[in-house]
Amino acid sequence: IHNLSLPIEDPVLKFLLVLIIILAAP
């Protein structure tokens, strides 16, 4: 997490972020 850079490349974190957006938007 400390070495986290943008854009995010970790597949788990990427998918989690997209799912949070899909959940929160509606």
PDB file of all heavy atoms in Angstrom:
ATOM      1  N   ILE A   1       0.835  -1.204   0.000  1.00  0.00           N
ATOM      2  CA  ILE A   1       0.000   0.000   0.000  1.00  0.00           C
ATOM      3  C   ILE A   1       0.865   1.248   0.000  1.00  0.00           C
ATOM      4  O   ILE A   1       0.562   2.240  -0.660  1.00  0.00           O
ATOM      5  CB  ILE A   1      -0.932  -0.017   1.236  1.00  0.00           C
ATOM      6  CG1 ILE A   1      -1.895  -1.203   1.135  1.00  0.00           C
ATOM      7  CG2 ILE A   1      -1.696   1.284   1.372  1.00  0.00           C
ATOM      8  CD1 ILE A   1      -2.781  -1.365   2.356  1.00  0.00           C
ATOM      9  N   HIS A   2       1.964   1.193   0.731  1.00  0.00           N
ATOM     10  CA  HIS A   2       2.859   2.346   0.806  1.00  0.00           C
ATOM     11  C   HIS A   2       3.447   2.680  -0.563  1.00  0.00           C
ATOM     12  O   HIS A   2       3.644   3.846  -0.914  1.00  0.00           O
ATOM     13  CB  HIS A   2       3.975   2.059   1.820  1.00  0.00           C
ATOM     14  CG  HIS A   2       4.962   3.184   1.941  1.00  0.00           C
ATOM     15  ND1 HIS A   2       4.653   4.370   2.588  1.00  0.00           N
ATOM     16  CD2 HIS A   2       6.246   3.297   1.489  1.00  0.00           C
ATOM     17  CE1 HIS A   2       5.703   5.171   2.535  1.00  0.00           C
ATOM     18  NE2 HIS A   2       6.685   4.544   1.879  1.00  0.00           N
ATOM     19  N   ASN A   3       3.734   1.639  -1.343  1.00  0.00           N
ATOM     20  CA  ASN A   3       4.337   1.840  -2.657  1.00  0.00           C
ATOM     21  C   ASN A   3       3.299   1.992  -3.771  1.00  0.00           C
ATOM     22  O   ASN A   3       3.632   1.890  -4.937  1.00  0.00           O
ATOM     23  CB  ASN A   3       5.252   0.649  -2.989  1.00  0.00           C
ATOM     24  CG  ASN A   3       6.449   0.587  -2.050  1.00  0.00           C
ATOM     25  OD1 ASN A   3       6.901   1.616  -1.553  1.00  0.00           O
ATOM     26  ND2 ASN A   3       6.948  -0.625  -1.796  1.00  0.00           N
ATOM     27  N   LEU A   4       2.039   2.214  -3.374  1.00  0.00           N
ATOM     28  CA  LEU A   4       0.966   2.334  -4.344  1.00  0.00           C
ATOM     29  C   LEU A   4       1.202   3.531  -5.258  1.00  0.00           C
ATOM     30  O   LEU A   4       1.495   4.636  -4.795  1.00  0.00           O
ATOM     31  CB  LEU A   4      -0.374   2.498  -3.617  1.00  0.00           C
ATOM     32  CG  LEU A   4      -1.613   2.541  -4.503  1.00  0.00           C
ATOM     33  CD1 LEU A   4      -1.832   1.187  -5.180  1.00  0.00           C
ATOM     34  CD2 LEU A   4      -2.839   2.906  -3.674  1.00  0.00           C
ATOM     35  N   SER A   5       1.086   3.300  -6.557  1.00  0.00           N
ATOM     36  CA  SER A   5       1.267   4.376  -7.536  1.00  0.00           C
ATOM     37  C   SER A   5       0.080   4.413  -8.475  1.00  0.00           C
ATOM     38  O   SER A   5      -0.672   3.440  -8.593  1.00  0.00           O
ATOM     39  CB  SER A   5       2.567   4.157  -8.325  1.00  0.00           C
ATOM     40  OG  SER A   5       2.503   2.921  -9.028  1.00  0.00           O
ATOM     41  N   LEU A   6      -0.098   5.556  -9.123  1.00  0.00           N
ATOM     42  CA  LEU A   6      -1.198   5.729 -10.062  1.00  0.00           C
ATOM     43  C   LEU A   6      -0.662   5.721 -11.489  1.00  0.00           C
ATOM     44  O   LEU A   6       0.413   6.246 -11.766  1.00  0.00           O
ATOM     45  CB  LEU A   6      -1.922   7.051  -9.778  1.00  0.00           C
ATOM     46  CG  LEU A   6      -2.559   7.185  -8.391  1.00  0.00           C
ATOM     47  CD1 LEU A   6      -3.234   8.541  -8.245  1.00  0.00           C
ATOM     48  CD2 LEU A   6      -3.553   6.070  -8.121  1.00  0.00           C
ATOM     49  N   PRO A   7      -1.390   5.135 -12.436  1.00  0.00           N
ATOM     50  CA  PRO A   7      -2.660   4.420 -12.229  1.00  0.00           C
ATOM     51  C   PRO A   7      -2.460   3.074 -11.546  1.00  0.00           C
ATOM     52  O   PRO A   7      -1.383   2.480 -11.638  1.00  0.00           O
ATOM     53  CB  PRO A   7      -3.177   4.232 -13.650  1.00  0.00           C
ATOM     54  CG  PRO A   7      -1.955   4.182 -14.496  1.00  0.00           C
ATOM     55  CD  PRO A   7      -0.991   5.150 -13.870  1.00  0.00           C
ATOM     56  N   ILE A   8      -3.482   2.635 -10.856  1.00  0.00           N
ATOM     57  CA  ILE A   8      -3.421   1.380 -10.117  1.00  0.00           C
ATOM     58  C   ILE A   8      -3.257   0.215 -11.091  1.00  0.00           C
ATOM     59  O   ILE A   8      -3.969   0.114 -12.084  1.00  0.00           O
ATOM     60  CB  ILE A   8      -4.705   1.193  -9.276  1.00  0.00           C
ATOM     61  CG1 ILE A   8      -4.814   2.303  -8.233  1.00  0.00           C
ATOM     62  CG2 ILE A   8      -4.724  -0.180  -8.615  1.00  0.00           C
ATOM     63  CD1 ILE A   8      -6.127   2.311  -7.483  1.00  0.00           C
ATOM     64  N   GLU A   9      -2.335  -0.668 -10.775  1.00  0.00           N
ATOM     65  CA  GLU A   9      -2.089  -1.819 -11.635  1.00  0.00           C
ATOM     66  C   GLU A   9      -2.492  -3.141 -10.987  1.00  0.00           C
ATOM     67  O   GLU A   9      -2.669  -4.137 -11.679  1.00  0.00           O
ATOM     68  CB  GLU A   9      -0.607  -1.873 -12.027  1.00  0.00           C
ATOM     69  CG  GLU A   9      -0.169  -0.686 -12.885  1.00  0.00           C
ATOM     70  CD  GLU A   9       1.270  -0.797 -13.316  1.00  0.00           C
ATOM     71  OE1 GLU A   9       1.927  -1.788 -12.918  1.00  0.00           O
ATOM     72  OE2 GLU A   9       1.758   0.089 -14.043  1.00  0.00           O
ATOM     73  N   ASP A  10      -2.644  -3.140  -9.676  1.00  0.00           N
ATOM     74  CA  ASP A  10      -3.035  -4.374  -8.993  1.00  0.00           C
ATOM     75  C   ASP A  10      -4.444  -4.785  -9.436  1.00  0.00           C
ATOM     76  O   ASP A  10      -5.404  -4.025  -9.250  1.00  0.00           O
ATOM     77  CB  ASP A  10      -3.012  -4.164  -7.479  1.00  0.00           C
ATOM     78  CG  ASP A  10      -3.391  -5.435  -6.729  1.00  0.00           C
ATOM     79  OD1 ASP A  10      -2.552  -6.359  -6.676  1.00  0.00           O
ATOM     80  OD2 ASP A  10      -4.531  -5.513  -6.245  1.00  0.00           O
ATOM     81  N   PRO A  11      -4.609  -5.980 -10.025  1.00  0.00           N
ATOM     82  CA  PRO A  11      -5.904  -6.374 -10.582  1.00  0.00           C
ATOM     83  C   PRO A  11      -7.012  -6.476  -9.545  1.00  0.00           C
ATOM     84  O   PRO A  11      -8.172  -6.137  -9.823  1.00  0.00           O
ATOM     85  CB  PRO A  11      -5.617  -7.742 -11.230  1.00  0.00           C
ATOM     86  CG  PRO A  11      -4.377  -8.239 -10.564  1.00  0.00           C
ATOM     87  CD  PRO A  11      -3.588  -7.027 -10.230  1.00  0.00           C
ATOM     88  N   VAL A  12      -6.660  -6.916  -8.329  1.00  0.00           N
ATOM     89  CA  VAL A  12      -7.676  -7.042  -7.279  1.00  0.00           C
ATOM     90  C   VAL A  12      -8.191  -5.668  -6.881  1.00  0.00           C
ATOM     91  O   VAL A  12      -9.405  -5.432  -6.763  1.00  0.00           O
ATOM     92  CB  VAL A  12      -7.103  -7.778  -6.048  1.00  0.00           C
ATOM     93  CG1 VAL A  12      -8.133  -7.811  -4.917  1.00  0.00           C
ATOM     94  CG2 VAL A  12      -6.685  -9.185  -6.421  1.00  0.00           C
ATOM     95  N   LEU A  13      -7.284  -4.730  -6.692  1.00  0.00           N
ATOM     96  CA  LEU A  13      -7.665  -3.382  -6.285  1.00  0.00           C
ATOM     97  C   LEU A  13      -8.435  -2.670  -7.397  1.00  0.00           C
ATOM     98  O   LEU A  13      -9.404  -1.934  -7.131  1.00  0.00           O
ATOM     99  CB  LEU A  13      -6.412  -2.589  -5.905  1.00  0.00           C
ATOM    100  CG  LEU A  13      -6.644  -1.234  -5.231  1.00  0.00           C
ATOM    101  CD1 LEU A  13      -7.513  -1.394  -3.996  1.00  0.00           C
ATOM    102  CD2 LEU A  13      -5.305  -0.597  -4.858  1.00  0.00           C
ATOM    103  N   LYS A  14      -8.029  -2.887  -8.641  1.00  0.00           N
ATOM    104  CA  LYS A  14      -8.734  -2.269  -9.776  1.00  0.00           C
ATOM    105  C   LYS A  14     -10.185  -2.737  -9.834  1.00  0.00           C
ATOM    106  O   LYS A  14     -11.113  -1.931  -9.948  1.00  0.00           O
ATOM    107  CB  LYS A  14      -8.028  -2.634 -11.093  1.00  0.00           C
ATOM    108  CG  LYS A  14      -6.738  -1.887 -11.343  1.00  0.00           C
ATOM    109  CD  LYS A  14      -6.007  -2.422 -12.560  1.00  0.00           C
ATOM    110  CE  LYS A  14      -6.795  -2.273 -13.819  1.00  0.00           C
ATOM    111  NZ  LYS A  14      -6.042  -2.748 -15.004  1.00  0.00           N
ATOM    112  N   PHE A  15     -10.352  -4.030  -9.744  1.00  0.00           N
ATOM    113  CA  PHE A  15     -11.701  -4.576  -9.852  1.00  0.00           C
ATOM    114  C   PHE A  15     -12.551  -4.159  -8.659  1.00  0.00           C
ATOM    115  O   PHE A  15     -13.743  -3.867  -8.798  1.00  0.00           O
ATOM    116  CB  PHE A  15     -11.639  -6.103  -9.946  1.00  0.00           C
ATOM    117  CG  PHE A  15     -12.881  -6.718 -10.509  1.00  0.00           C
ATOM    118  CD1 PHE A  15     -13.178  -6.620 -11.862  1.00  0.00           C
ATOM    119  CD2 PHE A  15     -13.767  -7.395  -9.685  1.00  0.00           C
ATOM    120  CE1 PHE A  15     -14.327  -7.186 -12.378  1.00  0.00           C
ATOM    121  CE2 PHE A  15     -14.924  -7.963 -10.193  1.00  0.00           C
ATOM    122  CZ  PHE A  15     -15.205  -7.864 -11.547  1.00  0.00           C
ATOM    123  N   LEU A  16     -11.938  -4.119  -7.481  1.00  0.00           N
ATOM    124  CA  LEU A  16     -12.663  -3.682  -6.286  1.00  0.00           C
ATOM    125  C   LEU A  16     -13.153  -2.247  -6.444  1.00  0.00           C
ATOM    126  O   LEU A  16     -14.310  -1.931  -6.108  1.00  0.00           O
ATOM    127  CB  LEU A  16     -11.752  -3.794  -5.055  1.00  0.00           C
ATOM    128  CG  LEU A  16     -12.332  -3.228  -3.749  1.00  0.00           C
ATOM    129  CD1 LEU A  16     -13.595  -3.978  -3.348  1.00  0.00           C
ATOM    130  CD2 LEU A  16     -11.288  -3.285  -2.635  1.00  0.00           C
ATOM    131  N   LEU A  17     -12.301  -1.370  -6.959  1.00  0.00           N
ATOM    132  CA  LEU A  17     -12.667   0.033  -7.129  1.00  0.00           C
ATOM    133  C   LEU A  17     -13.834   0.177  -8.107  1.00  0.00           C
ATOM    134  O   LEU A  17     -14.783   0.937  -7.857  1.00  0.00           O
ATOM    135  CB  LEU A  17     -11.456   0.829  -7.621  1.00  0.00           C
ATOM    136  CG  LEU A  17     -11.685   2.328  -7.832  1.00  0.00           C
ATOM    137  CD1 LEU A  17     -12.127   2.996  -6.543  1.00  0.00           C
ATOM    138  CD2 LEU A  17     -10.419   2.995  -8.378  1.00  0.00           C
ATOM    139  N   VAL A  18     -13.782  -0.553  -9.218  1.00  0.00           N
ATOM    140  CA  VAL A  18     -14.864  -0.494 -10.205  1.00  0.00           C
ATOM    141  C   VAL A  18     -16.167  -1.006  -9.599  1.00  0.00           C
ATOM    142  O   VAL A  18     -17.243  -0.415  -9.799  1.00  0.00           O
ATOM    143  CB  VAL A  18     -14.495  -1.306 -11.463  1.00  0.00           C
ATOM    144  CG1 VAL A  18     -15.688  -1.378 -12.410  1.00  0.00           C
ATOM    145  CG2 VAL A  18     -13.307  -0.678 -12.177  1.00  0.00           C
ATOM    146  N   LEU A  19     -16.099  -2.087  -8.832  1.00  0.00           N
ATOM    147  CA  LEU A  19     -17.300  -2.637  -8.203  1.00  0.00           C
ATOM    148  C   LEU A  19     -17.902  -1.659  -7.195  1.00  0.00           C
ATOM    149  O   LEU A  19     -19.132  -1.542  -7.085  1.00  0.00           O
ATOM    150  CB  LEU A  19     -16.978  -3.966  -7.512  1.00  0.00           C
ATOM    151  CG  LEU A  19     -16.699  -5.161  -8.420  1.00  0.00           C
ATOM    152  CD1 LEU A  19     -16.392  -6.395  -7.584  1.00  0.00           C
ATOM    153  CD2 LEU A  19     -17.879  -5.439  -9.341  1.00  0.00           C
ATOM    154  N   ILE A  20     -17.048  -0.952  -6.461  1.00  0.00           N
ATOM    155  CA  ILE A  20     -17.542   0.048  -5.506  1.00  0.00           C
ATOM    156  C   ILE A  20     -18.286   1.157  -6.243  1.00  0.00           C
ATOM    157  O   ILE A  20     -19.347   1.628  -5.800  1.00  0.00           O
ATOM    158  CB  ILE A  20     -16.378   0.623  -4.676  1.00  0.00           C
ATOM    159  CG1 ILE A  20     -15.839  -0.454  -3.719  1.00  0.00           C
ATOM    160  CG2 ILE A  20     -16.825   1.849  -3.889  1.00  0.00           C
ATOM    161  CD1 ILE A  20     -14.601  -0.038  -2.955  1.00  0.00           C
ATOM    162  N   ILE A  21     -17.752   1.575  -7.384  1.00  0.00           N
ATOM    163  CA  ILE A  21     -18.420   2.610  -8.185  1.00  0.00           C
ATOM    164  C   ILE A  21     -19.767   2.107  -8.691  1.00  0.00           C
ATOM    165  O   ILE A  21     -20.784   2.810  -8.615  1.00  0.00           O
ATOM    166  CB  ILE A  21     -17.523   3.034  -9.365  1.00  0.00           C
ATOM    167  CG1 ILE A  21     -16.271   3.744  -8.861  1.00  0.00           C
ATOM    168  CG2 ILE A  21     -18.295   3.934 -10.327  1.00  0.00           C
ATOM    169  CD1 ILE A  21     -15.250   4.027  -9.943  1.00  0.00           C
ATOM    170  N   ILE A  22     -19.778   0.864  -9.204  1.00  0.00           N
ATOM    171  CA  ILE A  22     -21.029   0.288  -9.721  1.00  0.00           C
ATOM    172  C   ILE A  22     -22.064   0.171  -8.600  1.00  0.00           C
ATOM    173  O   ILE A  22     -23.267   0.373  -8.815  1.00  0.00           O
ATOM    174  CB  ILE A  22     -20.766  -1.091 -10.353  1.00  0.00           C
ATOM    175  CG1 ILE A  22     -19.873  -0.941 -11.589  1.00  0.00           C
ATOM    176  CG2 ILE A  22     -22.065  -1.781 -10.734  1.00  0.00           C
ATOM    177  CD1 ILE A  22     -19.420  -2.261 -12.193  1.00  0.00           C
ATOM    178  N   LEU A  23     -21.614  -0.141  -7.391  1.00  0.00           N
ATOM    179  CA  LEU A  23     -22.514  -0.268  -6.249  1.00  0.00           C
ATOM    180  C   LEU A  23     -23.008   1.083  -5.763  1.00  0.00           C
ATOM    181  O   LEU A  23     -24.207   1.261  -5.482  1.00  0.00           O
ATOM    182  CB  LEU A  23     -21.794  -0.996  -5.103  1.00  0.00           C
ATOM    183  CG  LEU A  23     -22.529  -1.066  -3.757  1.00  0.00           C
ATOM    184  CD1 LEU A  23     -23.802  -1.889  -3.897  1.00  0.00           C
ATOM    185  CD2 LEU A  23     -21.624  -1.642  -2.678  1.00  0.00           C
ATOM    186  N   ALA A  24     -22.096   2.053  -5.665  1.00  0.00           N
ATOM    187  CA  ALA A  24     -22.435   3.329  -5.040  1.00  0.00           C
ATOM    188  C   ALA A  24     -23.242   4.246  -5.954  1.00  0.00           C
ATOM    189  O   ALA A  24     -24.106   4.996  -5.472  1.00  0.00           O
ATOM    190  CB  ALA A  24     -21.153   4.038  -4.595  1.00  0.00           C
ATOM    191  N   ALA A  25     -22.969   4.203  -7.262  1.00  0.00           N
ATOM    192  CA  ALA A  25     -23.631   5.138  -8.183  1.00  0.00           C
ATOM    193  C   ALA A  25     -25.158   5.082  -8.104  1.00  0.00           C
ATOM    194  O   ALA A  25     -25.805   6.118  -7.913  1.00  0.00           O
ATOM    195  CB  ALA A  25     -23.146   4.892  -9.613  1.00  0.00           C
ATOM    196  N   PRO A  26     -25.788   3.915  -8.222  1.00  0.00           N
ATOM    197  CA  PRO A  26     -27.258   3.884  -8.138  1.00  0.00           C
ATOM    198  C   PRO A  26     -27.783   4.296  -6.760  1.00  0.00           C
ATOM    199  O   PRO A  26     -28.779   5.004  -6.662  1.00  0.00           O
ATOM    200  CB  PRO A  26     -27.597   2.415  -8.435  1.00  0.00           C
ATOM    201  CG  PRO A  26     -26.406   1.856  -9.107  1.00  0.00           C
ATOM    202  CD  PRO A  26     -25.243   2.586  -8.523  1.00  0.00           C
TER     203      PRO A  26
END
